[in-house]
């Protein structure tokens, strides 16, 4: 059996993809390329970063009606201007 619990891996789902692009961490067109970009930028604790980005994308940086006015990353966001806040 393969043990992934402590693996230093970055999975890119829809939330991670969206957050990475809105923050300018990647401009890649695919999840695989976005994963490569994020892995180069953040070499350690990738599983923790993944979980944080998923939760952030799910509850704050949502696809529809993101909560930009309450976002602590608003100064770094590349797309805040395109949302009505």
N, C-alpha and C. Protein backbone atom coordinates (compact mmCIF):
# COMPACT_ATOMS: atom_id res chain seq x y z
N UNK A 1 0.83 -1.18 0.00
CA UNK A 1 0.00 0.00 0.00
C UNK A 1 0.89 1.25 0.00
N UNK A 2 0.52 2.24 -0.77
CA UNK A 2 1.28 3.48 -0.86
C UNK A 2 0.75 4.46 0.20
N UNK A 3 1.65 5.08 0.94
CA UNK A 3 1.28 6.03 1.99
C UNK A 3 1.39 7.45 1.45
N UNK A 4 0.26 8.17 1.37
CA UNK A 4 0.23 9.54 0.87
C UNK A 4 0.03 10.56 1.98
N UNK A 5 -0.27 10.12 3.18
CA UNK A 5 -0.64 11.03 4.27
C UNK A 5 0.41 12.11 4.52
N UNK A 6 1.67 11.76 4.49
CA UNK A 6 2.73 12.73 4.77
C UNK A 6 3.51 13.13 3.52
N UNK A 7 2.96 12.85 2.37
CA UNK A 7 3.66 13.16 1.12
C UNK A 7 3.62 14.66 0.85
N UNK A 8 4.68 15.18 0.26
CA UNK A 8 4.78 16.59 -0.10
C UNK A 8 4.25 16.75 -1.53
N UNK A 9 2.92 16.73 -1.65
CA UNK A 9 2.27 16.79 -2.96
C UNK A 9 1.31 17.96 -3.04
N UNK A 10 1.15 18.49 -4.23
CA UNK A 10 0.19 19.57 -4.48
C UNK A 10 -0.80 19.07 -5.51
N UNK A 11 -2.05 18.94 -5.11
CA UNK A 11 -3.10 18.58 -6.05
C UNK A 11 -3.83 19.86 -6.44
N UNK A 12 -4.19 19.96 -7.70
CA UNK A 12 -4.87 21.16 -8.17
C UNK A 12 -6.29 20.79 -8.58
N UNK A 13 -7.24 21.24 -7.78
CA UNK A 13 -8.65 21.07 -8.11
C UNK A 13 -9.18 22.43 -8.56
N UNK A 14 -10.48 22.55 -8.72
CA UNK A 14 -11.06 23.80 -9.22
C UNK A 14 -10.78 24.98 -8.29
N UNK A 15 -10.78 24.75 -6.96
CA UNK A 15 -10.53 25.84 -6.02
C UNK A 15 -9.08 26.30 -6.08
N UNK A 16 -8.16 25.36 -6.06
CA UNK A 16 -6.73 25.69 -6.12
C UNK A 16 -6.42 26.39 -7.44
N UNK A 17 -6.97 25.90 -8.52
CA UNK A 17 -6.76 26.49 -9.85
C UNK A 17 -7.22 27.95 -9.85
N UNK A 18 -8.43 28.20 -9.34
CA UNK A 18 -8.99 29.55 -9.32
C UNK A 18 -8.16 30.48 -8.43
N UNK A 19 -7.84 30.06 -7.23
CA UNK A 19 -7.07 30.90 -6.30
C UNK A 19 -5.69 31.20 -6.86
N UNK A 20 -5.03 30.19 -7.40
CA UNK A 20 -3.69 30.39 -7.96
C UNK A 20 -3.70 31.43 -9.08
N UNK A 21 -4.72 31.40 -9.90
CA UNK A 21 -4.81 32.35 -11.01
C UNK A 21 -5.20 33.74 -10.54
N UNK A 22 -6.13 33.83 -9.62
CA UNK A 22 -6.53 35.15 -9.12
C UNK A 22 -5.40 35.84 -8.39
N UNK A 23 -4.55 35.07 -7.74
CA UNK A 23 -3.42 35.66 -7.01
C UNK A 23 -2.17 35.82 -7.88
N UNK A 24 -2.26 35.42 -9.14
CA UNK A 24 -1.13 35.56 -10.04
C UNK A 24 -0.01 34.57 -9.78
N UNK A 25 -0.32 33.47 -9.12
CA UNK A 25 0.68 32.45 -8.84
C UNK A 25 0.91 31.54 -10.04
N UNK A 26 -0.03 31.55 -10.96
CA UNK A 26 0.08 30.75 -12.18
C UNK A 26 -0.80 31.37 -13.25
N UNK A 27 -0.39 31.22 -14.48
CA UNK A 27 -1.22 31.63 -15.61
C UNK A 27 -1.40 30.44 -16.55
N UNK A 28 -1.06 29.26 -16.05
CA UNK A 28 -1.14 28.04 -16.86
C UNK A 28 -2.59 27.73 -17.22
N UNK A 29 -2.76 27.06 -18.32
CA UNK A 29 -4.11 26.73 -18.82
C UNK A 29 -4.63 25.40 -18.29
N UNK A 30 -3.77 24.58 -17.71
CA UNK A 30 -4.19 23.26 -17.24
C UNK A 30 -3.85 23.08 -15.77
N UNK A 31 -4.53 22.14 -15.14
CA UNK A 31 -4.26 21.82 -13.74
C UNK A 31 -2.85 21.28 -13.56
N UNK A 32 -2.40 20.47 -14.50
CA UNK A 32 -1.05 19.89 -14.41
C UNK A 32 0.01 20.99 -14.43
N UNK A 33 -0.12 21.93 -15.35
CA UNK A 33 0.86 23.02 -15.45
C UNK A 33 0.76 23.95 -14.24
N UNK A 34 -0.45 24.15 -13.73
CA UNK A 34 -0.63 24.96 -12.53
C UNK A 34 0.06 24.28 -11.35
N UNK A 35 -0.09 22.97 -11.25
CA UNK A 35 0.59 22.20 -10.21
C UNK A 35 2.10 22.38 -10.30
N UNK A 36 2.63 22.34 -11.50
CA UNK A 36 4.08 22.53 -11.69
C UNK A 36 4.50 23.93 -11.22
N UNK A 37 3.71 24.94 -11.57
CA UNK A 37 4.03 26.31 -11.16
C UNK A 37 4.04 26.43 -9.63
N UNK A 38 3.01 25.90 -8.99
CA UNK A 38 2.90 25.99 -7.54
C UNK A 38 4.00 25.21 -6.83
N UNK A 39 4.36 24.07 -7.38
CA UNK A 39 5.41 23.24 -6.79
C UNK A 39 6.76 23.94 -6.87
N UNK A 40 6.99 24.69 -7.95
CA UNK A 40 8.24 25.46 -8.07
C UNK A 40 8.27 26.62 -7.08
N UNK A 41 7.13 27.27 -6.88
CA UNK A 41 7.06 28.41 -5.97
C UNK A 41 7.13 28.01 -4.51
N UNK A 42 6.40 26.97 -4.16
CA UNK A 42 6.29 26.52 -2.77
C UNK A 42 6.80 25.09 -2.69
N UNK A 43 8.01 24.93 -2.29
CA UNK A 43 8.66 23.61 -2.33
C UNK A 43 8.29 22.70 -1.16
N UNK A 44 7.93 23.29 -0.02
CA UNK A 44 7.66 22.50 1.18
C UNK A 44 6.21 22.66 1.61
N UNK A 45 5.74 21.72 2.38
CA UNK A 45 4.39 21.75 2.95
C UNK A 45 3.31 21.92 1.90
N UNK A 46 3.47 21.26 0.77
CA UNK A 46 2.52 21.41 -0.33
C UNK A 46 1.14 20.87 0.03
N UNK A 47 1.07 19.81 0.80
CA UNK A 47 -0.23 19.25 1.18
C UNK A 47 -1.00 20.25 2.06
N UNK A 48 -0.29 20.94 2.94
CA UNK A 48 -0.92 21.95 3.80
C UNK A 48 -1.37 23.14 2.96
N UNK A 49 -0.54 23.57 2.03
CA UNK A 49 -0.90 24.66 1.13
C UNK A 49 -2.13 24.28 0.32
N UNK A 50 -2.16 23.07 -0.20
CA UNK A 50 -3.32 22.60 -0.96
C UNK A 50 -4.59 22.72 -0.14
N UNK A 51 -4.56 22.21 1.09
CA UNK A 51 -5.76 22.24 1.93
C UNK A 51 -6.19 23.68 2.22
N UNK A 52 -5.22 24.55 2.48
CA UNK A 52 -5.53 25.96 2.75
C UNK A 52 -6.15 26.63 1.52
N UNK A 53 -5.61 26.35 0.34
CA UNK A 53 -6.15 26.96 -0.88
C UNK A 53 -7.54 26.43 -1.20
N UNK A 54 -7.78 25.15 -0.93
CA UNK A 54 -9.12 24.59 -1.16
C UNK A 54 -10.13 25.29 -0.26
N UNK A 55 -9.84 25.38 1.02
CA UNK A 55 -10.77 26.01 1.95
C UNK A 55 -10.95 27.50 1.65
N UNK A 56 -9.86 28.18 1.32
CA UNK A 56 -9.94 29.60 0.95
C UNK A 56 -10.80 29.78 -0.30
N UNK A 57 -10.59 28.93 -1.29
CA UNK A 57 -11.37 29.01 -2.53
C UNK A 57 -12.83 28.63 -2.34
N UNK A 58 -13.10 27.76 -1.40
CA UNK A 58 -14.47 27.31 -1.15
C UNK A 58 -15.28 28.35 -0.39
N UNK A 59 -14.66 29.03 0.57
CA UNK A 59 -15.42 29.90 1.47
C UNK A 59 -15.18 31.39 1.31
N UNK A 60 -14.07 31.80 0.73
CA UNK A 60 -13.79 33.23 0.57
C UNK A 60 -13.65 33.62 -0.90
N UNK A 61 -12.74 32.98 -1.59
CA UNK A 61 -12.47 33.30 -3.00
C UNK A 61 -13.32 32.41 -3.89
N UNK A 62 -14.63 32.54 -3.71
CA UNK A 62 -15.59 31.67 -4.40
C UNK A 62 -15.67 32.03 -5.88
N UNK A 63 -16.08 31.06 -6.67
CA UNK A 63 -16.20 31.27 -8.11
C UNK A 63 -17.25 32.34 -8.42
N UNK A 64 -18.38 32.26 -7.75
CA UNK A 64 -19.46 33.23 -7.93
C UNK A 64 -19.61 34.01 -6.63
N UNK A 65 -19.60 35.30 -6.72
CA UNK A 65 -19.72 36.19 -5.57
C UNK A 65 -18.61 35.98 -4.53
N UNK A 66 -17.35 36.14 -4.94
CA UNK A 66 -16.26 36.03 -3.96
C UNK A 66 -16.39 37.12 -2.91
N UNK A 67 -15.91 36.85 -1.72
CA UNK A 67 -16.02 37.78 -0.60
C UNK A 67 -14.79 38.69 -0.53
N UNK A 68 -14.58 39.44 -1.58
CA UNK A 68 -13.40 40.30 -1.72
C UNK A 68 -13.29 41.33 -0.60
N UNK A 69 -14.42 41.86 -0.16
CA UNK A 69 -14.39 42.90 0.85
C UNK A 69 -13.83 42.40 2.19
N UNK A 70 -13.91 41.09 2.43
CA UNK A 70 -13.40 40.51 3.67
C UNK A 70 -12.09 39.76 3.48
N UNK A 71 -11.50 39.85 2.32
CA UNK A 71 -10.34 39.03 1.99
C UNK A 71 -9.03 39.67 2.43
N UNK A 72 -8.24 38.90 3.20
CA UNK A 72 -6.95 39.41 3.65
C UNK A 72 -5.91 39.42 2.53
N UNK A 73 -6.20 38.77 1.41
CA UNK A 73 -5.27 38.75 0.28
C UNK A 73 -5.68 39.74 -0.82
N UNK A 74 -6.66 40.55 -0.56
CA UNK A 74 -7.16 41.51 -1.55
C UNK A 74 -6.05 42.36 -2.18
N UNK A 75 -5.06 42.84 -1.42
CA UNK A 75 -4.00 43.64 -2.04
C UNK A 75 -3.18 42.88 -3.08
N UNK A 76 -3.22 41.56 -3.02
CA UNK A 76 -2.42 40.73 -3.94
C UNK A 76 -3.23 40.15 -5.08
N UNK A 77 -4.53 40.34 -5.03
CA UNK A 77 -5.42 39.74 -6.01
C UNK A 77 -5.32 40.45 -7.36
N UNK A 78 -5.22 39.67 -8.41
CA UNK A 78 -5.11 40.22 -9.76
C UNK A 78 -6.48 40.48 -10.38
N UNK A 79 -7.55 39.97 -9.77
CA UNK A 79 -8.87 40.08 -10.38
C UNK A 79 -9.89 40.82 -9.54
N UNK A 80 -9.49 41.36 -8.41
CA UNK A 80 -10.44 42.06 -7.54
C UNK A 80 -11.17 43.16 -8.30
N UNK A 81 -10.48 43.84 -9.18
CA UNK A 81 -11.08 44.95 -9.90
C UNK A 81 -12.25 44.53 -10.79
N UNK A 82 -12.27 43.27 -11.20
CA UNK A 82 -13.32 42.82 -12.11
C UNK A 82 -14.60 42.41 -11.37
N UNK A 83 -14.54 42.34 -10.03
CA UNK A 83 -15.72 41.98 -9.24
C UNK A 83 -16.35 43.25 -8.69
N UNK A 84 -17.66 43.25 -8.61
CA UNK A 84 -18.36 44.36 -7.99
C UNK A 84 -18.30 44.16 -6.48
N UNK A 85 -17.56 45.01 -5.82
CA UNK A 85 -17.37 44.88 -4.37
C UNK A 85 -18.02 46.03 -3.66
